[in-house]
Amino acid sequence: MALQIFRFVETRRAHTSALKPLVQISQLSIHISGNVNTDKSKDGQKSADVDPNQVDAKPNGWFNKLFVPHINTSKEPHSRLLSASEYIYEMHFHNAKPEASELYLSKYESYCKELQSRSKDKAQLVGSWRVDIGGDQDQFVHIWKYLDGYRQASQLRSLMRTDECLKKATIDYCKDLRKRESQFMMSFSFWEHPQPQDNNSFYEMRSYILKPGTMIDWANGWSRGITARTNAVAGFFSQIGQLYTVHHLWRYEDLQVRKDVRENAWRKPGWDSCVAHTVPLIKEMRSRWLAPTSFSPIR
């Protein structure tokens, strides 16, 4: 009988010992969903109240960095959540033959005038630049805007395929190209739409390929970060072409001004948080230093 009682007591001890780690872990679990008040513990000490408003409440604290202006995904298409208009932008990358870059540019200027005339200005040239630093130095970047969205873009596509003058002009400038590609884009709602301007400036286009599924997070971060900069020209996200691509366009007087502006941004509230939040979302990134062409509406 005594032996049976001894075995029973030992079994209870082993069971209780095995539960102790679980009890300790559960005591460490705190759900920050409001004030948490606990009664006195068995040892007579009262647990501390947890107030989420007092947890590292500094503006740049770790707790606040978890929260950025939030776009509610709901059940709406992401393009509607990210953009406030139906405008469609088309970006063209044209790589010219080195020996024919000036000839190409002259022909493309004529093509632009013809397209805007034939389309009755429904196709609007936003900007035209030559890549000066940061890639193929015989590359040109052109951005077009279609005010009536995809409907107008489809109509203009049909016009370019059927209009003999446009077809001839296209064939003519393409003779001087090594490669060309394009993508359709929309403008972020927290950036202004690009406007014609004559500042005798240079422009930097920073392009990012994001991890799939992160565009909303990117927008939530940059909707706050953009307030730290005053030289923003345009911000786009892709719809057709390389998906999850973002382009930011910035204006600078020269390279020294670029250095100064970028360094000063780190002294402004929210910039460090924007960078910390968005950099992990990036798969690839690149920068192009752009010089406007003579016929670019943005100079």
C-alpha atoms as a PDB file:
ATOM      1  CA  MET A   1       0.000   0.000   0.000  1.00  0.00           C
ATOM      2  CA  ALA A   2       2.834   2.398   0.925  1.00  0.00           C
ATOM      3  CA  LEU A   3       4.572   1.586  -2.350  1.00  0.00           C
ATOM      4  CA  GLN A   4       1.416   2.476  -4.310  1.00  0.00           C
ATOM      5  CA  ILE A   5       1.074   5.830  -2.492  1.00  0.00           C
ATOM      6  CA  PHE A   6       4.773   6.619  -3.205  1.00  0.00           C
ATOM      7  CA  ARG A   7       4.316   5.920  -6.939  1.00  0.00           C
ATOM      8  CA  PHE A   8       1.184   8.105  -7.035  1.00  0.00           C
ATOM      9  CA  VAL A   9       3.009  11.035  -5.398  1.00  0.00           C
ATOM     10  CA  GLU A  10       5.994  10.712  -7.773  1.00  0.00           C
ATOM     11  CA  THR A  11       3.669  10.629 -10.788  1.00  0.00           C
ATOM     12  CA  ARG A  12       1.959  13.879  -9.626  1.00  0.00           C
ATOM     13  CA  ARG A  13       5.338  15.557  -9.129  1.00  0.00           C
ATOM     14  CA  ALA A  14       6.480  14.656 -12.627  1.00  0.00           C
ATOM     15  CA  HIS A  15       3.219  15.915 -14.115  1.00  0.00           C
ATOM     16  CA  THR A  16       3.426  19.227 -12.242  1.00  0.00           C
ATOM     17  CA  SER A  17       7.075  19.698 -13.241  1.00  0.00           C
ATOM     18  CA  ALA A  18       6.231  19.214 -16.921  1.00  0.00           C
ATOM     19  CA  LEU A  19       3.537  21.895 -16.719  1.00  0.00           C
ATOM     20  CA  LYS A  20       5.759  24.566 -15.189  1.00  0.00           C
ATOM     21  CA  PRO A  21       7.347  25.758 -18.485  1.00  0.00           C
ATOM     22  CA  LEU A  22       3.869  26.123 -19.988  1.00  0.00           C
ATOM     23  CA  VAL A  23       2.716  28.185 -17.029  1.00  0.00           C
ATOM     24  CA  GLN A  24       5.766  30.423 -17.237  1.00  0.00           C
ATOM     25  CA  ILE A  25       5.269  30.999 -20.966  1.00  0.00           C
ATOM     26  CA  SER A  26       1.589  31.834 -20.521  1.00  0.00           C
ATOM     27  CA  GLN A  27       2.480  34.401 -17.866  1.00  0.00           C
ATOM     28  CA  LEU A  28       4.675  36.192 -20.419  1.00  0.00           C
ATOM     29  CA  SER A  29       1.874  36.469 -23.000  1.00  0.00           C
ATOM     30  CA  ILE A  30       0.442  40.004 -22.989  1.00  0.00           C
ATOM     31  CA  HIS A  31      -2.102  41.102 -25.592  1.00  0.00           C
ATOM     32  CA  ILE A  32      -1.825  44.849 -26.140  1.00  0.00           C
ATOM     33  CA  SER A  33      -5.437  45.588 -26.974  1.00  0.00           C
ATOM     34  CA  GLY A  34      -6.140  48.122 -24.236  1.00  0.00           C
ATOM     35  CA  ASN A  35      -5.282  48.533 -20.588  1.00  0.00           C
ATOM     36  CA  VAL A  36      -4.430  45.232 -18.946  1.00  0.00           C
ATOM     37  CA  ASN A  37      -5.024  45.001 -15.207  1.00  0.00           C
ATOM     38  CA  THR A  38      -4.185  41.877 -13.276  1.00  0.00           C
ATOM     39  CA  ASP A  39      -4.894  40.827  -9.692  1.00  0.00           C
ATOM     40  CA  LYS A  40      -2.218  40.070  -7.205  1.00  0.00           C
ATOM     41  CA  SER A  41      -0.236  36.980  -8.033  1.00  0.00           C
ATOM     42  CA  LYS A  42       0.234  34.147  -5.626  1.00  0.00           C
ATOM     43  CA  ASP A  43       3.460  35.631  -4.281  1.00  0.00           C
ATOM     44  CA  GLY A  44       1.595  38.827  -3.344  1.00  0.00           C
ATOM     45  CA  GLN A  45       3.152  41.094  -5.962  1.00  0.00           C
ATOM     46  CA  LYS A  46       0.850  43.053  -8.246  1.00  0.00           C
ATOM     47  CA  SER A  47       1.518  42.798 -11.983  1.00  0.00           C
ATOM     48  CA  ALA A  48       2.253  46.056 -13.803  1.00  0.00           C
ATOM     49  CA  ASP A  49      -0.500  47.590 -15.923  1.00  0.00           C
ATOM     50  CA  VAL A  50       0.220  47.658 -19.650  1.00  0.00           C
ATOM     51  CA  ASP A  51      -0.864  50.781 -21.538  1.00  0.00           C
ATOM     52  CA  PRO A  52      -0.140  50.696 -25.289  1.00  0.00           C
ATOM     53  CA  ASN A  53      -0.051  54.490 -25.329  1.00  0.00           C
ATOM     54  CA  GLN A  54       2.923  54.411 -22.968  1.00  0.00           C
ATOM     55  CA  VAL A  55       4.954  51.767 -24.781  1.00  0.00           C
ATOM     56  CA  ASP A  56       7.890  53.549 -26.388  1.00  0.00           C
ATOM     57  CA  ALA A  57       5.635  56.473 -27.208  1.00  0.00           C
ATOM     58  CA  LYS A  58       8.396  58.602 -28.717  1.00  0.00           C
ATOM     59  CA  PRO A  59       7.627  59.791 -32.312  1.00  0.00           C
ATOM     60  CA  ASN A  60      10.421  57.609 -33.688  1.00  0.00           C
ATOM     61  CA  GLY A  61       9.979  54.751 -31.243  1.00  0.00           C
ATOM     62  CA  TRP A  62       9.757  51.148 -32.354  1.00  0.00           C
ATOM     63  CA  PHE A  63       6.081  50.914 -31.461  1.00  0.00           C
ATOM     64  CA  ASN A  64       5.089  53.860 -33.662  1.00  0.00           C
ATOM     65  CA  LYS A  65       7.204  52.595 -36.542  1.00  0.00           C
ATOM     66  CA  LEU A  66       4.874  49.625 -36.760  1.00  0.00           C
ATOM     67  CA  PHE A  67       2.052  51.937 -37.805  1.00  0.00           C
ATOM     68  CA  VAL A  68       1.996  54.082 -40.942  1.00  0.00           C
ATOM     69  CA  PRO A  69      -0.934  55.793 -42.698  1.00  0.00           C
ATOM     70  CA  HIS A  70      -3.008  52.804 -43.670  1.00  0.00           C
ATOM     71  CA  ILE A  71      -4.792  52.076 -46.941  1.00  0.00           C
ATOM     72  CA  ASN A  72      -7.681  49.739 -46.211  1.00  0.00           C
ATOM     73  CA  THR A  73      -7.549  46.964 -48.802  1.00  0.00           C
ATOM     74  CA  SER A  74     -11.223  45.972 -48.325  1.00  0.00           C
ATOM     75  CA  LYS A  75     -12.510  44.310 -51.487  1.00  0.00           C
ATOM     76  CA  GLU A  76     -11.571  47.054 -53.949  1.00  0.00           C
ATOM     77  CA  PRO A  77      -9.017  46.575 -56.763  1.00  0.00           C
ATOM     78  CA  HIS A  78      -5.628  47.822 -55.623  1.00  0.00           C
ATOM     79  CA  SER A  79      -5.420  50.269 -58.528  1.00  0.00           C
ATOM     80  CA  ARG A  80      -8.500  52.080 -57.202  1.00  0.00           C
ATOM     81  CA  LEU A  81      -7.053  52.223 -53.710  1.00  0.00           C
ATOM     82  CA  LEU A  82      -3.669  53.473 -54.897  1.00  0.00           C
ATOM     83  CA  SER A  83      -4.733  56.034 -57.522  1.00  0.00           C
ATOM     84  CA  ALA A  84      -7.282  58.845 -57.346  1.00  0.00           C
ATOM     85  CA  SER A  85      -7.872  59.193 -61.103  1.00  0.00           C
ATOM     86  CA  GLU A  86      -8.513  57.191 -64.256  1.00  0.00           C
ATOM     87  CA  TYR A  87      -5.478  58.657 -66.045  1.00  0.00           C
ATOM     88  CA  ILE A  88      -3.219  56.115 -67.719  1.00  0.00           C
ATOM     89  CA  TYR A  89       0.446  56.891 -68.300  1.00  0.00           C
ATOM     90  CA  GLU A  90       2.633  55.072 -70.794  1.00  0.00           C
ATOM     91  CA  MET A  91       6.395  55.052 -70.351  1.00  0.00           C
ATOM     92  CA  HIS A  92       8.647  54.256 -73.314  1.00  0.00           C
ATOM     93  CA  PHE A  93      12.290  53.213 -73.115  1.00  0.00           C
ATOM     94  CA  HIS A  94      14.051  53.691 -76.464  1.00  0.00           C
ATOM     95  CA  ASN A  95      17.672  52.572 -76.870  1.00  0.00           C
ATOM     96  CA  ALA A  96      19.155  54.369 -79.872  1.00  0.00           C
ATOM     97  CA  LYS A  97      22.082  53.333 -82.013  1.00  0.00           C
ATOM     98  CA  PRO A  98      25.049  55.368 -80.695  1.00  0.00           C
ATOM     99  CA  GLU A  99      25.892  56.791 -84.094  1.00  0.00           C
ATOM    100  CA  ALA A 100      22.276  57.777 -84.765  1.00  0.00           C
ATOM    101  CA  SER A 101      20.994  59.103 -81.422  1.00  0.00           C
ATOM    102  CA  GLU A 102      20.627  62.706 -82.608  1.00  0.00           C
ATOM    103  CA  LEU A 103      18.951  61.642 -85.825  1.00  0.00           C
ATOM    104  CA  TYR A 104      16.560  59.423 -83.857  1.00  0.00           C
ATOM    105  CA  LEU A 105      15.703  62.289 -81.503  1.00  0.00           C
ATOM    106  CA  SER A 106      14.867  64.588 -84.396  1.00  0.00           C
ATOM    107  CA  LYS A 107      12.620  61.948 -85.943  1.00  0.00           C
ATOM    108  CA  TYR A 108      10.891  61.237 -82.613  1.00  0.00           C
ATOM    109  CA  GLU A 109      10.145  64.913 -82.098  1.00  0.00           C
ATOM    110  CA  SER A 110       8.400  64.940 -85.486  1.00  0.00           C
ATOM    111  CA  TYR A 111       6.509  61.783 -84.510  1.00  0.00           C
ATOM    112  CA  CYS A 112       5.322  63.399 -81.253  1.00  0.00           C
ATOM    113  CA  LYS A 113       3.926  66.408 -83.112  1.00  0.00           C
ATOM    114  CA  GLU A 114       2.193  64.122 -85.616  1.00  0.00           C
ATOM    115  CA  LEU A 115       0.650  61.910 -82.922  1.00  0.00           C
ATOM    116  CA  GLN A 116      -0.668  64.840 -80.902  1.00  0.00           C
ATOM    117  CA  SER A 117      -2.100  66.409 -84.030  1.00  0.00           C
ATOM    118  CA  ARG A 118      -3.689  63.216 -85.352  1.00  0.00           C
ATOM    119  CA  SER A 119      -5.146  62.347 -81.944  1.00  0.00           C
ATOM    120  CA  LYS A 120      -6.452  65.910 -81.460  1.00  0.00           C
ATOM    121  CA  ASP A 121      -4.279  66.191 -78.340  1.00  0.00           C
ATOM    122  CA  LYS A 122      -5.872  63.173 -76.686  1.00  0.00           C
ATOM    123  CA  ALA A 123      -2.348  61.776 -76.421  1.00  0.00           C
ATOM    124  CA  GLN A 124      -0.328  64.197 -74.289  1.00  0.00           C
ATOM    125  CA  LEU A 125       3.447  64.082 -74.008  1.00  0.00           C
ATOM    126  CA  VAL A 126       4.300  64.487 -70.315  1.00  0.00           C
ATOM    127  CA  GLY A 127       8.085  64.463 -70.561  1.00  0.00           C
ATOM    128  CA  SER A 128      11.029  63.331 -72.660  1.00  0.00           C
ATOM    129  CA  TRP A 129      14.566  62.749 -71.386  1.00  0.00           C
ATOM    130  CA  ARG A 130      17.946  61.350 -72.372  1.00  0.00           C
ATOM    131  CA  VAL A 131      19.714  59.113 -69.829  1.00  0.00           C
ATOM    132  CA  ASP A 132      22.881  60.957 -68.845  1.00  0.00           C
ATOM    133  CA  ILE A 133      24.131  58.746 -65.975  1.00  0.00           C
ATOM    134  CA  GLY A 134      23.048  55.391 -64.629  1.00  0.00           C
ATOM    135  CA  GLY A 135      22.506  53.067 -67.553  1.00  0.00           C
ATOM    136  CA  ASP A 136      22.516  52.957 -71.323  1.00  0.00           C
ATOM    137  CA  GLN A 137      23.699  56.447 -72.286  1.00  0.00           C
ATOM    138  CA  ASP A 138      21.924  56.231 -75.615  1.00  0.00           C
ATOM    139  CA  GLN A 139      18.619  55.526 -73.898  1.00  0.00           C
ATOM    140  CA  PHE A 140      15.677  57.903 -74.029  1.00  0.00           C
ATOM    141  CA  VAL A 141      12.657  57.911 -71.693  1.00  0.00           C
ATOM    142  CA  HIS A 142       9.305  59.281 -72.846  1.00  0.00           C
ATOM    143  CA  ILE A 143       6.075  59.481 -70.814  1.00  0.00           C
ATOM    144  CA  TRP A 144       2.623  59.920 -72.363  1.00  0.00           C
ATOM    145  CA  LYS A 145      -0.705  60.554 -70.627  1.00  0.00           C
ATOM    146  CA  TYR A 146      -4.185  59.385 -71.653  1.00  0.00           C
ATOM    147  CA  LEU A 147      -6.829  61.402 -69.806  1.00  0.00           C
ATOM    148  CA  ASP A 148      -9.715  59.036 -70.534  1.00  0.00           C
ATOM    149  CA  GLY A 149      -7.922  55.982 -69.238  1.00  0.00           C
ATOM    150  CA  TYR A 150      -7.898  52.633 -70.970  1.00  0.00           C
ATOM    151  CA  ARG A 151     -10.702  53.578 -73.357  1.00  0.00           C
ATOM    152  CA  GLN A 152      -8.622  56.364 -74.836  1.00  0.00           C
ATOM    153  CA  ALA A 153      -5.450  54.271 -74.771  1.00  0.00           C
ATOM    154  CA  SER A 154      -7.227  51.580 -76.824  1.00  0.00           C
ATOM    155  CA  GLN A 155      -8.503  54.142 -79.340  1.00  0.00           C
ATOM    156  CA  LEU A 156      -5.031  55.609 -79.778  1.00  0.00           C
ATOM    157  CA  ARG A 157      -3.551  52.157 -80.206  1.00  0.00           C
ATOM    158  CA  SER A 158      -5.989  51.556 -83.032  1.00  0.00           C
ATOM    159  CA  LEU A 159      -5.117  54.933 -84.568  1.00  0.00           C
ATOM    160  CA  MET A 160      -1.384  54.175 -84.491  1.00  0.00           C
ATOM    161  CA  ARG A 161      -1.974  50.836 -86.260  1.00  0.00           C
ATOM    162  CA  THR A 162      -4.178  52.256 -89.015  1.00  0.00           C
ATOM    163  CA  ASP A 163      -3.075  55.836 -89.684  1.00  0.00           C
ATOM    164  CA  GLU A 164      -0.599  55.779 -92.579  1.00  0.00           C
ATOM    165  CA  CYS A 165       1.256  58.918 -91.522  1.00  0.00           C
ATOM    166  CA  LEU A 166       1.792  57.593 -87.994  1.00  0.00           C
ATOM    167  CA  LYS A 167       2.839  54.199 -89.277  1.00  0.00           C
ATOM    168  CA  LYS A 168       5.410  55.782 -91.566  1.00  0.00           C
ATOM    169  CA  ALA A 169       6.735  58.058 -88.799  1.00  0.00           C
ATOM    170  CA  THR A 170       7.057  55.074 -86.450  1.00  0.00           C
ATOM    171  CA  ILE A 171       8.969  53.010 -88.989  1.00  0.00           C
ATOM    172  CA  ASP A 172      11.216  55.967 -89.677  1.00  0.00           C
ATOM    173  CA  TYR A 173      12.392  56.578 -86.088  1.00  0.00           C
ATOM    174  CA  CYS A 174      12.588  52.855 -85.323  1.00  0.00           C
ATOM    175  CA  LYS A 175      15.346  52.484 -87.936  1.00  0.00           C
ATOM    176  CA  ASP A 176      17.674  54.236 -85.491  1.00  0.00           C
ATOM    177  CA  LEU A 177      16.808  52.080 -82.460  1.00  0.00           C
ATOM    178  CA  ARG A 178      18.435  48.964 -81.033  1.00  0.00           C
ATOM    179  CA  LYS A 179      15.615  48.209 -78.589  1.00  0.00           C
ATOM    180  CA  ARG A 180      12.335  49.653 -77.350  1.00  0.00           C
ATOM    181  CA  GLU A 181       9.879  48.689 -74.641  1.00  0.00           C
ATOM    182  CA  SER A 182       6.968  50.265 -72.789  1.00  0.00           C
ATOM    183  CA  GLN A 183       4.695  49.865 -69.791  1.00  0.00           C
ATOM    184  CA  PHE A 184       1.342  51.221 -68.695  1.00  0.00           C
ATOM    185  CA  MET A 185       1.207  52.950 -65.317  1.00  0.00           C
ATOM    186  CA  MET A 186      -1.024  54.894 -62.952  1.00  0.00           C
ATOM    187  CA  SER A 187      -0.104  57.733 -60.612  1.00  0.00           C
ATOM    188  CA  PHE A 188      -0.112  57.315 -56.827  1.00  0.00           C
ATOM    189  CA  SER A 189      -2.855  59.372 -55.183  1.00  0.00           C
ATOM    190  CA  PHE A 190      -0.426  60.986 -52.714  1.00  0.00           C
ATOM    191  CA  TRP A 191       1.772  62.382 -55.547  1.00  0.00           C
ATOM    192  CA  GLU A 192       0.730  65.306 -57.711  1.00  0.00           C
ATOM    193  CA  HIS A 193       0.165  64.567 -61.381  1.00  0.00           C
ATOM    194  CA  PRO A 194       3.225  65.742 -63.357  1.00  0.00           C
ATOM    195  CA  GLN A 195       2.780  69.218 -64.793  1.00  0.00           C
ATOM    196  CA  PRO A 196       4.670  71.065 -67.570  1.00  0.00           C
ATOM    197  CA  GLN A 197       7.523  73.086 -66.087  1.00  0.00           C
ATOM    198  CA  ASP A 198      10.589  74.913 -67.327  1.00  0.00           C
ATOM    199  CA  ASN A 199      13.205  74.944 -64.570  1.00  0.00           C
ATOM    200  CA  ASN A 200      16.344  74.286 -66.600  1.00  0.00           C
ATOM    201  CA  SER A 201      16.833  71.286 -64.297  1.00  0.00           C
ATOM    202  CA  PHE A 202      17.938  67.691 -64.277  1.00  0.00           C
ATOM    203  CA  TYR A 203      15.753  64.826 -63.133  1.00  0.00           C
ATOM    204  CA  GLU A 204      16.387  61.568 -61.354  1.00  0.00           C
ATOM    205  CA  MET A 205      14.141  58.588 -61.958  1.00  0.00           C
ATOM    206  CA  ARG A 206      14.423  55.959 -59.259  1.00  0.00           C
ATOM    207  CA  SER A 207      12.837  52.660 -60.298  1.00  0.00           C
ATOM    208  CA  TYR A 208      11.950  49.805 -57.967  1.00  0.00           C
ATOM    209  CA  ILE A 209      10.733  46.269 -58.557  1.00  0.00           C
ATOM    210  CA  LEU A 210       8.838  45.217 -55.450  1.00  0.00           C
ATOM    211  CA  LYS A 211       8.064  41.830 -53.999  1.00  0.00           C
ATOM    212  CA  PRO A 212       4.606  40.682 -55.204  1.00  0.00           C
ATOM    213  CA  GLY A 213       1.849  41.609 -52.778  1.00  0.00           C
ATOM    214  CA  THR A 214       3.652  44.597 -51.227  1.00  0.00           C
ATOM    215  CA  MET A 215       2.352  47.568 -53.240  1.00  0.00           C
ATOM    216  CA  ILE A 216      -0.156  48.627 -50.553  1.00  0.00           C
ATOM    217  CA  ASP A 217       2.580  48.513 -47.900  1.00  0.00           C
ATOM    218  CA  TRP A 218       4.808  50.606 -50.181  1.00  0.00           C
ATOM    219  CA  ALA A 219       2.086  53.220 -50.602  1.00  0.00           C
ATOM    220  CA  ASN A 220       1.384  53.322 -46.871  1.00  0.00           C
ATOM    221  CA  GLY A 221       5.061  54.027 -46.189  1.00  0.00           C
ATOM    222  CA  TRP A 222       5.587  56.607 -48.930  1.00  0.00           C
ATOM    223  CA  SER A 223       2.348  58.493 -48.278  1.00  0.00           C
ATOM    224  CA  ARG A 224       4.075  59.687 -45.106  1.00  0.00           C
ATOM    225  CA  GLY A 225       7.645  59.807 -46.423  1.00  0.00           C
ATOM    226  CA  ILE A 226       6.790  62.094 -49.339  1.00  0.00           C
ATOM    227  CA  THR A 227       6.111  64.925 -46.858  1.00  0.00           C
ATOM    228  CA  ALA A 228       9.856  65.102 -46.144  1.00  0.00           C
ATOM    229  CA  ARG A 229      10.645  66.095 -49.753  1.00  0.00           C
ATOM    230  CA  THR A 230       9.759  69.204 -51.762  1.00  0.00           C
ATOM    231  CA  ASN A 231      11.232  68.283 -55.165  1.00  0.00           C
ATOM    232  CA  ALA A 232       8.838  65.499 -56.149  1.00  0.00           C
ATOM    233  CA  VAL A 233       7.645  65.497 -59.775  1.00  0.00           C
ATOM    234  CA  ALA A 234       5.769  62.200 -60.224  1.00  0.00           C
ATOM    235  CA  GLY A 235       5.198  58.772 -58.725  1.00  0.00           C
ATOM    236  CA  PHE A 236       3.902  55.834 -60.798  1.00  0.00           C
ATOM    237  CA  PHE A 237       3.110  52.146 -60.344  1.00  0.00           C
ATOM    238  CA  SER A 238       2.887  49.707 -63.248  1.00  0.00           C
ATOM    239  CA  GLN A 239      -0.265  48.099 -64.620  1.00  0.00           C
ATOM    240  CA  ILE A 240       1.001  46.395 -67.798  1.00  0.00           C
ATOM    241  CA  GLY A 241       4.599  45.371 -68.370  1.00  0.00           C
ATOM    242  CA  GLN A 242       6.956  44.501 -65.510  1.00  0.00           C
ATOM    243  CA  LEU A 243       4.445  44.303 -62.672  1.00  0.00           C
ATOM    244  CA  TYR A 244       5.077  45.594 -59.161  1.00  0.00           C
ATOM    245  CA  THR A 245       7.309  48.292 -60.630  1.00  0.00           C
ATOM    246  CA  VAL A 246       7.403  51.790 -59.132  1.00  0.00           C
ATOM    247  CA  HIS A 247       8.988  54.913 -60.636  1.00  0.00           C
ATOM    248  CA  HIS A 248       9.689  58.076 -58.608  1.00  0.00           C
ATOM    249  CA  LEU A 249      10.727  61.205 -60.502  1.00  0.00           C
ATOM    250  CA  TRP A 250      12.639  63.971 -58.674  1.00  0.00           C
ATOM    251  CA  ARG A 251      13.905  67.395 -59.825  1.00  0.00           C
ATOM    252  CA  TYR A 252      17.387  68.768 -59.055  1.00  0.00           C
ATOM    253  CA  GLU A 253      19.406  71.742 -60.305  1.00  0.00           C
ATOM    254  CA  ASP A 254      22.582  69.640 -60.398  1.00  0.00           C
ATOM    255  CA  LEU A 255      24.328  66.680 -58.768  1.00  0.00           C
ATOM    256  CA  GLN A 256      25.518  68.684 -55.747  1.00  0.00           C
ATOM    257  CA  VAL A 257      21.958  69.819 -55.030  1.00  0.00           C
ATOM    258  CA  ARG A 258      20.870  66.182 -55.265  1.00  0.00           C
ATOM    259  CA  LYS A 259      23.423  65.240 -52.604  1.00  0.00           C
ATOM    260  CA  ASP A 260      22.336  68.087 -50.310  1.00  0.00           C
ATOM    261  CA  VAL A 261      18.597  67.414 -50.675  1.00  0.00           C
ATOM    262  CA  ARG A 262      18.952  63.696 -50.013  1.00  0.00           C
ATOM    263  CA  GLU A 263      21.102  64.271 -46.918  1.00  0.00           C
ATOM    264  CA  ASN A 264      18.756  66.928 -45.539  1.00  0.00           C
ATOM    265  CA  ALA A 265      15.807  64.549 -45.837  1.00  0.00           C
ATOM    266  CA  TRP A 266      17.262  62.451 -43.009  1.00  0.00           C
ATOM    267  CA  ARG A 267      16.863  65.424 -40.654  1.00  0.00           C
ATOM    268  CA  LYS A 268      13.124  65.620 -41.250  1.00  0.00           C
ATOM    269  CA  PRO A 269      10.537  63.688 -39.202  1.00  0.00           C
ATOM    270  CA  GLY A 270       9.244  60.522 -40.830  1.00  0.00           C
ATOM    271  CA  TRP A 271      11.962  60.011 -43.459  1.00  0.00           C
ATOM    272  CA  ASP A 272      13.870  57.367 -41.493  1.00  0.00           C
ATOM    273  CA  SER A 273      10.615  55.557 -40.777  1.00  0.00           C
ATOM    274  CA  CYS A 274       9.678  55.588 -44.473  1.00  0.00           C
ATOM    275  CA  VAL A 275      13.027  54.090 -45.469  1.00  0.00           C
ATOM    276  CA  ALA A 276      12.921  51.464 -42.724  1.00  0.00           C
ATOM    277  CA  HIS A 277       9.401  50.444 -43.731  1.00  0.00           C
ATOM    278  CA  THR A 278       9.837  50.311 -47.511  1.00  0.00           C
ATOM    279  CA  VAL A 279      13.378  49.091 -48.204  1.00  0.00           C
ATOM    280  CA  PRO A 280      12.578  45.480 -47.162  1.00  0.00           C
ATOM    281  CA  LEU A 281       9.830  45.427 -49.826  1.00  0.00           C
ATOM    282  CA  ILE A 282      12.308  45.912 -52.709  1.00  0.00           C
ATOM    283  CA  LYS A 283      13.629  43.155 -54.986  1.00  0.00           C
ATOM    284  CA  GLU A 284      15.574  45.388 -57.399  1.00  0.00           C
ATOM    285  CA  MET A 285      16.225  49.101 -57.724  1.00  0.00           C
ATOM    286  CA  ARG A 286      18.055  51.458 -60.044  1.00  0.00           C
ATOM    287  CA  SER A 287      18.600  55.162 -60.615  1.00  0.00           C
ATOM    288  CA  ARG A 288      18.765  57.132 -63.879  1.00  0.00           C
ATOM    289  CA  TRP A 289      20.041  60.714 -64.083  1.00  0.00           C
ATOM    290  CA  LEU A 290      18.026  62.372 -66.853  1.00  0.00           C
ATOM    291  CA  ALA A 291      18.553  65.416 -69.035  1.00  0.00           C
ATOM    292  CA  PRO A 292      15.363  66.765 -70.685  1.00  0.00           C
ATOM    293  CA  THR A 293      15.153  66.944 -74.461  1.00  0.00           C
ATOM    294  CA  SER A 294      14.546  70.257 -76.196  1.00  0.00           C
ATOM    295  CA  PHE A 295      10.872  69.404 -76.789  1.00  0.00           C
ATOM    296  CA  SER A 296      10.086  67.952 -73.323  1.00  0.00           C
ATOM    297  CA  PRO A 297       7.185  69.712 -71.527  1.00  0.00           C
ATOM    298  CA  ILE A 298       9.091  69.091 -68.283  1.00  0.00           C
ATOM    299  CA  ARG A 299      12.508  70.730 -68.394  1.00  0.00           C
END
